[in-house]
C-alpha cells in the first residue's frame, strides 16, 4: 500500500476512534436532558450523534496531520 494512502487511513481511523469516544462520552453526560421516546429512536439518535463527532474529529485530525507532516 502506498505510504500516502496508509498515512490517510491510519489518521482517519485514529480520529474516528477518538471521535466515537468523545461522542459517546458527551451523549452519556447529556442524555439526562435529552428525552427520546422508544428504543429504536433512541439508539438511532445516539448512533447519529456519535457519528457526527467521529466524522468531524477524524477529518480535523487528518487535516492537522497533513498540515504538520514534513
PDB file of N, CA and C in Angstrom:
ATOM      1  N   UNK A   1       0.854  -1.177   0.000  1.00  0.00           N
ATOM      2  CA  UNK A   1       0.000   0.000   0.000  1.00  0.00           C
ATOM      3  C   UNK A   1       0.894   1.232   0.000  1.00  0.00           C
ATOM      4  N   UNK A   2       0.610   2.170  -0.864  1.00  0.00           N
ATOM      5  CA  UNK A   2       1.440   3.382  -0.890  1.00  0.00           C
ATOM      6  C   UNK A   2       1.411   4.111   0.458  1.00  0.00           C
ATOM      7  N   UNK A   3       2.476   4.817   0.712  1.00  0.00           N
ATOM      8  CA  UNK A   3       2.637   5.482   2.011  1.00  0.00           C
ATOM      9  C   UNK A   3       1.552   6.522   2.275  1.00  0.00           C
ATOM     10  N   UNK A   4       1.147   7.273   1.261  1.00  0.00           N
ATOM     11  CA  UNK A   4       0.150   8.318   1.467  1.00  0.00           C
ATOM     12  C   UNK A   4      -1.214   7.738   1.839  1.00  0.00           C
ATOM     13  N   UNK A   5      -1.599   6.641   1.185  1.00  0.00           N
ATOM     14  CA  UNK A   5      -2.882   6.013   1.497  1.00  0.00           C
ATOM     15  C   UNK A   5      -2.852   5.435   2.907  1.00  0.00           C
ATOM     16  N   UNK A   6      -1.757   4.796   3.281  1.00  0.00           N
ATOM     17  CA  UNK A   6      -1.623   4.263   4.633  1.00  0.00           C
ATOM     18  C   UNK A   6      -1.673   5.389   5.662  1.00  0.00           C
ATOM     19  N   UNK A   7      -0.995   6.483   5.365  1.00  0.00           N
ATOM     20  CA  UNK A   7      -0.990   7.648   6.248  1.00  0.00           C
ATOM     21  C   UNK A   7      -2.410   8.168   6.457  1.00  0.00           C
ATOM     22  N   UNK A   8      -3.150   8.314   5.356  1.00  0.00           N
ATOM     23  CA  UNK A   8      -4.507   8.847   5.444  1.00  0.00           C
ATOM     24  C   UNK A   8      -5.442   7.902   6.191  1.00  0.00           C
ATOM     25  N   UNK A   9      -5.358   6.613   5.901  1.00  0.00           N
ATOM     26  CA  UNK A   9      -6.252   5.661   6.557  1.00  0.00           C
ATOM     27  C   UNK A   9      -5.980   5.541   8.048  1.00  0.00           C
ATOM     28  N   UNK A  10      -4.718   5.557   8.442  1.00  0.00           N
ATOM     29  CA  UNK A  10      -4.420   5.462   9.871  1.00  0.00           C
ATOM     30  C   UNK A  10      -4.864   6.720  10.604  1.00  0.00           C
ATOM     31  N   UNK A  11      -4.688   7.885   9.994  1.00  0.00           N
ATOM     32  CA  UNK A  11      -5.120   9.127  10.649  1.00  0.00           C
ATOM     33  C   UNK A  11      -6.637   9.222  10.720  1.00  0.00           C
ATOM     34  N   UNK A  12      -7.321   8.811   9.662  1.00  0.00           N
ATOM     35  CA  UNK A  12      -8.782   8.817   9.685  1.00  0.00           C
ATOM     36  C   UNK A  12      -9.329   7.837  10.719  1.00  0.00           C
ATOM     37  N   UNK A  13      -8.736   6.640  10.781  1.00  0.00           N
ATOM     38  CA  UNK A  13      -9.198   5.640  11.751  1.00  0.00           C
ATOM     39  C   UNK A  13      -8.931   6.092  13.185  1.00  0.00           C
ATOM     40  N   UNK A  14      -7.770   6.692  13.413  1.00  0.00           N
ATOM     41  CA  UNK A  14      -7.463   7.188  14.754  1.00  0.00           C
ATOM     42  C   UNK A  14      -8.411   8.314  15.154  1.00  0.00           C
ATOM     43  N   UNK A  15      -8.626   9.259  14.260  1.00  0.00           N
ATOM     44  CA  UNK A  15      -9.552  10.350  14.539  1.00  0.00           C
ATOM     45  C   UNK A  15     -10.974   9.871  14.731  1.00  0.00           C
ATOM     46  N   UNK A  16     -11.384   8.866  13.955  1.00  0.00           N
ATOM     47  CA  UNK A  16     -12.730   8.321  14.102  1.00  0.00           C
ATOM     48  C   UNK A  16     -12.898   7.642  15.448  1.00  0.00           C
ATOM     49  N   UNK A  17     -11.869   6.940  15.904  1.00  0.00           N
ATOM     50  CA  UNK A  17     -11.922   6.283  17.214  1.00  0.00           C
ATOM     51  C   UNK A  17     -12.016   7.308  18.335  1.00  0.00           C
ATOM     52  N   UNK A  18     -11.202   8.346  18.252  1.00  0.00           N
ATOM     53  CA  UNK A  18     -11.255   9.409  19.262  1.00  0.00           C
ATOM     54  C   UNK A  18     -12.618  10.097  19.228  1.00  0.00           C
ATOM     55  N   UNK A  19     -13.137  10.351  18.042  1.00  0.00           N
ATOM     56  CA  UNK A  19     -14.443  10.981  17.909  1.00  0.00           C
ATOM     57  C   UNK A  19     -15.572  10.122  18.456  1.00  0.00           C
ATOM     58  N   UNK A  20     -15.493   8.817  18.263  1.00  0.00           N
ATOM     59  CA  UNK A  20     -16.503   7.920  18.835  1.00  0.00           C
ATOM     60  C   UNK A  20     -16.474   7.977  20.354  1.00  0.00           C
ATOM     61  N   UNK A  21     -15.276   7.976  20.918  1.00  0.00           N
ATOM     62  CA  UNK A  21     -15.156   8.041  22.370  1.00  0.00           C
ATOM     63  C   UNK A  21     -15.711   9.362  22.905  1.00  0.00           C
ATOM     64  N   UNK A  22     -15.383  10.461  22.252  1.00  0.00           N
ATOM     65  CA  UNK A  22     -15.871  11.769  22.691  1.00  0.00           C
ATOM     66  C   UNK A  22     -17.384  11.863  22.517  1.00  0.00           C
ATOM     67  N   UNK A  23     -17.891  11.412  21.389  1.00  0.00           N
ATOM     68  CA  UNK A  23     -19.330  11.442  21.152  1.00  0.00           C
ATOM     69  C   UNK A  23     -20.098  10.599  22.158  1.00  0.00           C
ATOM     70  N   UNK A  24     -19.583   9.427  22.477  1.00  0.00           N
ATOM     71  CA  UNK A  24     -20.232   8.573  23.463  1.00  0.00           C
ATOM     72  C   UNK A  24     -20.200   9.219  24.843  1.00  0.00           C
ATOM     73  N   UNK A  25     -19.070   9.820  25.199  1.00  0.00           N
ATOM     74  CA  UNK A  25     -18.943  10.493  26.491  1.00  0.00           C
ATOM     75  C   UNK A  25     -19.912  11.667  26.606  1.00  0.00           C
ATOM     76  N   UNK A  26     -19.993  12.467  25.555  1.00  0.00           N
ATOM     77  CA  UNK A  26     -20.906  13.616  25.561  1.00  0.00           C
ATOM     78  C   UNK A  26     -22.355  13.137  25.614  1.00  0.00           C
ATOM     79  N   UNK A  27     -22.692  12.108  24.854  1.00  0.00           N
ATOM     80  CA  UNK A  27     -24.058  11.602  24.858  1.00  0.00           C
ATOM     81  C   UNK A  27     -24.449  11.090  26.245  1.00  0.00           C
ATOM     82  N   UNK A  28     -23.563  10.359  26.901  1.00  0.00           N
ATOM     83  CA  UNK A  28     -23.881   9.811  28.218  1.00  0.00           C
ATOM     84  C   UNK A  28     -24.043  10.905  29.262  1.00  0.00           C
ATOM     85  N   UNK A  29     -23.268  11.964  29.161  1.00  0.00           N
ATOM     86  CA  UNK A  29     -23.376  13.049  30.136  1.00  0.00           C
ATOM     87  C   UNK A  29     -24.528  13.998  29.836  1.00  0.00           C
ATOM     88  N   UNK A  30     -24.979  14.055  28.605  1.00  0.00           N
ATOM     89  CA  UNK A  30     -26.023  14.989  28.175  1.00  0.00           C
ATOM     90  C   UNK A  30     -27.377  14.307  28.049  1.00  0.00           C
ATOM     91  N   UNK A  31     -27.395  12.998  28.168  1.00  0.00           N
ATOM     92  CA  UNK A  31     -28.594  12.212  27.906  1.00  0.00           C
ATOM     93  C   UNK A  31     -29.722  12.528  28.878  1.00  0.00           C
ATOM     94  N   UNK A  32     -29.432  12.926  30.082  1.00  0.00           N
ATOM     95  CA  UNK A  32     -30.481  13.178  31.058  1.00  0.00           C
ATOM     96  C   UNK A  32     -31.423  14.296  30.625  1.00  0.00           C
ATOM     97  N   UNK A  33     -30.929  15.297  29.939  1.00  0.00           N
ATOM     98  CA  UNK A  33     -31.776  16.388  29.482  1.00  0.00           C
ATOM     99  C   UNK A  33     -32.353  16.173  28.104  1.00  0.00           C
ATOM    100  N   UNK A  34     -32.032  15.054  27.444  1.00  0.00           N
ATOM    101  CA  UNK A  34     -32.460  14.786  26.067  1.00  0.00           C
ATOM    102  C   UNK A  34     -33.334  13.546  26.075  1.00  0.00           C
ATOM    103  N   UNK A  35     -34.639  13.725  26.056  1.00  0.00           N
ATOM    104  CA  UNK A  35     -35.558  12.597  26.137  1.00  0.00           C
ATOM    105  C   UNK A  35     -36.031  12.194  24.746  1.00  0.00           C
ATOM    106  N   UNK A  36     -35.782  10.946  24.384  1.00  0.00           N
ATOM    107  CA  UNK A  36     -36.261  10.399  23.126  1.00  0.00           C
ATOM    108  C   UNK A  36     -37.128   9.198  23.481  1.00  0.00           C
ATOM    109  N   UNK A  37     -38.348   9.173  22.985  1.00  0.00           N
ATOM    110  CA  UNK A  37     -39.242   8.072  23.308  1.00  0.00           C
ATOM    111  C   UNK A  37     -38.955   6.881  22.410  1.00  0.00           C
ATOM    112  N   UNK A  38     -39.086   5.690  22.966  1.00  0.00           N
ATOM    113  CA  UNK A  38     -38.868   4.475  22.189  1.00  0.00           C
ATOM    114  C   UNK A  38     -37.412   4.076  22.164  1.00  0.00           C
ATOM    115  N   UNK A  39     -37.164   2.818  21.957  1.00  0.00           N
ATOM    116  CA  UNK A  39     -35.793   2.335  21.981  1.00  0.00           C
ATOM    117  C   UNK A  39     -35.097   2.500  20.633  1.00  0.00           C
ATOM    118  N   UNK A  40     -35.805   2.241  19.545  1.00  0.00           N
ATOM    119  CA  UNK A  40     -35.174   2.338  18.230  1.00  0.00           C
ATOM    120  C   UNK A  40     -34.781   3.781  17.938  1.00  0.00           C
ATOM    121  N   UNK A  41     -35.654   4.710  18.249  1.00  0.00           N
ATOM    122  CA  UNK A  41     -35.351   6.120  18.005  1.00  0.00           C
ATOM    123  C   UNK A  41     -34.175   6.587  18.858  1.00  0.00           C
ATOM    124  N   UNK A  42     -34.118   6.103  20.082  1.00  0.00           N
ATOM    125  CA  UNK A  42     -33.026   6.497  20.975  1.00  0.00           C
ATOM    126  C   UNK A  42     -31.691   5.974  20.457  1.00  0.00           C
ATOM    127  N   UNK A  43     -31.654   4.721  20.034  1.00  0.00           N
ATOM    128  CA  UNK A  43     -30.405   4.165  19.519  1.00  0.00           C
ATOM    129  C   UNK A  43     -29.992   4.812  18.201  1.00  0.00           C
ATOM    130  N   UNK A  44     -30.949   5.127  17.364  1.00  0.00           N
ATOM    131  CA  UNK A  44     -30.647   5.805  16.104  1.00  0.00           C
ATOM    132  C   UNK A  44     -30.108   7.201  16.353  1.00  0.00           C
ATOM    133  N   UNK A  45     -30.733   7.922  17.276  1.00  0.00           N
ATOM    134  CA  UNK A  45     -30.249   9.259  17.619  1.00  0.00           C
ATOM    135  C   UNK A  45     -28.854   9.197  18.214  1.00  0.00           C
ATOM    136  N   UNK A  46     -28.607   8.214  19.059  1.00  0.00           N
ATOM    137  CA  UNK A  46     -27.279   8.066  19.656  1.00  0.00           C
ATOM    138  C   UNK A  46     -26.238   7.736  18.593  1.00  0.00           C
ATOM    139  N   UNK A  47     -26.566   6.847  17.679  1.00  0.00           N
ATOM    140  CA  UNK A  47     -25.622   6.474  16.625  1.00  0.00           C
ATOM    141  C   UNK A  47     -25.302   7.662  15.720  1.00  0.00           C
ATOM    142  N   UNK A  48     -26.311   8.434  15.354  1.00  0.00           N
ATOM    143  CA  UNK A  48     -26.076   9.603  14.506  1.00  0.00           C
ATOM    144  C   UNK A  48     -25.273  10.678  15.237  1.00  0.00           C
ATOM    145  N   UNK A  49     -25.539  10.839  16.518  1.00  0.00           N
ATOM    146  CA  UNK A  49     -24.799  11.818  17.320  1.00  0.00           C
ATOM    147  C   UNK A  49     -23.328  11.431  17.430  1.00  0.00           C
ATOM    148  N   UNK A  50     -23.059  10.156  17.687  1.00  0.00           N
ATOM    149  CA  UNK A  50     -21.678   9.684  17.800  1.00  0.00           C
ATOM    150  C   UNK A  50     -20.983   9.779  16.443  1.00  0.00           C
ATOM    151  N   UNK A  51     -21.701   9.440  15.358  1.00  0.00           N
ATOM    152  CA  UNK A  51     -21.111   9.548  14.029  1.00  0.00           C
ATOM    153  C   UNK A  51     -20.766  10.998  13.687  1.00  0.00           C
ATOM    154  N   UNK A  52     -21.602  11.937  14.137  1.00  0.00           N
ATOM    155  CA  UNK A  52     -21.333  13.359  13.911  1.00  0.00           C
ATOM    156  C   UNK A  52     -19.982  13.744  14.514  1.00  0.00           C
ATOM    157  N   UNK A  53     -19.766  13.381  15.758  1.00  0.00           N
ATOM    158  CA  UNK A  53     -18.497  13.690  16.400  1.00  0.00           C
ATOM    159  C   UNK A  53     -17.344  12.951  15.726  1.00  0.00           C
ATOM    160  N   UNK A  54     -17.546  11.672  15.429  1.00  0.00           N
ATOM    161  CA  UNK A  54     -16.462  10.860  14.870  1.00  0.00           C
ATOM    162  C   UNK A  54     -16.027  11.366  13.496  1.00  0.00           C
ATOM    163  N   UNK A  55     -16.971  11.682  12.636  1.00  0.00           N
ATOM    164  CA  UNK A  55     -16.601  12.135  11.295  1.00  0.00           C
ATOM    165  C   UNK A  55     -15.933  13.504  11.330  1.00  0.00           C
ATOM    166  N   UNK A  56     -16.420  14.386  12.192  1.00  0.00           N
ATOM    167  CA  UNK A  56     -15.833  15.717  12.286  1.00  0.00           C
ATOM    168  C   UNK A  56     -14.419  15.667  12.841  1.00  0.00           C
ATOM    169  N   UNK A  57     -14.225  14.924  13.900  1.00  0.00           N
ATOM    170  CA  UNK A  57     -12.900  14.851  14.514  1.00  0.00           C
ATOM    171  C   UNK A  57     -11.929  14.099  13.620  1.00  0.00           C
ATOM    172  N   UNK A  58     -12.389  13.071  12.901  1.00  0.00           N
ATOM    173  CA  UNK A  58     -11.473  12.342  12.026  1.00  0.00           C
ATOM    174  C   UNK A  58     -10.969  13.210  10.877  1.00  0.00           C
ATOM    175  N   UNK A  59     -11.843  14.020  10.294  1.00  0.00           N
ATOM    176  CA  UNK A  59     -11.399  14.909   9.222  1.00  0.00           C
ATOM    177  C   UNK A  59     -10.485  16.007   9.757  1.00  0.00           C
ATOM    178  N   UNK A  60     -10.784  16.516  10.928  1.00  0.00           N
ATOM    179  CA  UNK A  60      -9.914  17.521  11.544  1.00  0.00           C
ATOM    180  C   UNK A  60      -8.553  16.951  11.908  1.00  0.00           C
ATOM    181  N   UNK A  61      -8.531  15.717  12.398  1.00  0.00           N
ATOM    182  CA  UNK A  61      -7.272  15.066  12.741  1.00  0.00           C
ATOM    183  C   UNK A  61      -6.431  14.819  11.495  1.00  0.00           C
ATOM    184  N   UNK A  62      -7.070  14.384  10.411  1.00  0.00           N
ATOM    185  CA  UNK A  62      -6.351  14.160   9.167  1.00  0.00           C
ATOM    186  C   UNK A  62      -5.806  15.471   8.614  1.00  0.00           C
ATOM    187  N   UNK A  63      -6.605  16.521   8.628  1.00  0.00           N
ATOM    188  CA  UNK A  63      -6.145  17.820   8.116  1.00  0.00           C
ATOM    189  C   UNK A  63      -4.982  18.360   8.934  1.00  0.00           C
ATOM    190  N   UNK A  64      -5.050  18.203  10.250  1.00  0.00           N
ATOM    191  CA  UNK A  64      -3.960  18.664  11.104  1.00  0.00           C
ATOM    192  C   UNK A  64      -2.705  17.844  10.861  1.00  0.00           C
ATOM    193  N   UNK A  65      -2.855  16.532  10.701  1.00  0.00           N
ATOM    194  CA  UNK A  65      -1.690  15.685  10.455  1.00  0.00           C
ATOM    195  C   UNK A  65      -1.055  16.006   9.115  1.00  0.00           C
ATOM    196  N   UNK A  66      -1.869  16.275   8.100  1.00  0.00           N
ATOM    197  CA  UNK A  66      -1.317  16.644   6.791  1.00  0.00           C
ATOM    198  C   UNK A  66      -0.623  17.993   6.850  1.00  0.00           C
ATOM    199  N   UNK A  67      -1.146  18.905   7.639  1.00  0.00           N
ATOM    200  CA  UNK A  67      -0.544  20.229   7.773  1.00  0.00           C
ATOM    201  C   UNK A  67       0.809  20.148   8.466  1.00  0.00           C
ATOM    202  N   UNK A  68       0.901  19.317   9.502  1.00  0.00           N
ATOM    203  CA  UNK A  68       2.116  19.257  10.305  1.00  0.00           C
ATOM    204  C   UNK A  68       3.144  18.249   9.807  1.00  0.00           C
ATOM    205  N   UNK A  69       2.773  17.432   8.841  1.00  0.00           N
ATOM    206  CA  UNK A  69       3.707  16.435   8.313  1.00  0.00           C
ATOM    207  C   UNK A  69       4.779  17.112   7.467  1.00  0.00           C
ATOM    208  N   UNK A  70       5.989  16.677   7.670  1.00  0.00           N
ATOM    209  CA  UNK A  70       7.090  17.282   6.910  1.00  0.00           C
ATOM    210  C   UNK A  70       7.677  16.329   5.931  1.00  0.00           C
TER     211      UNK A  70
END
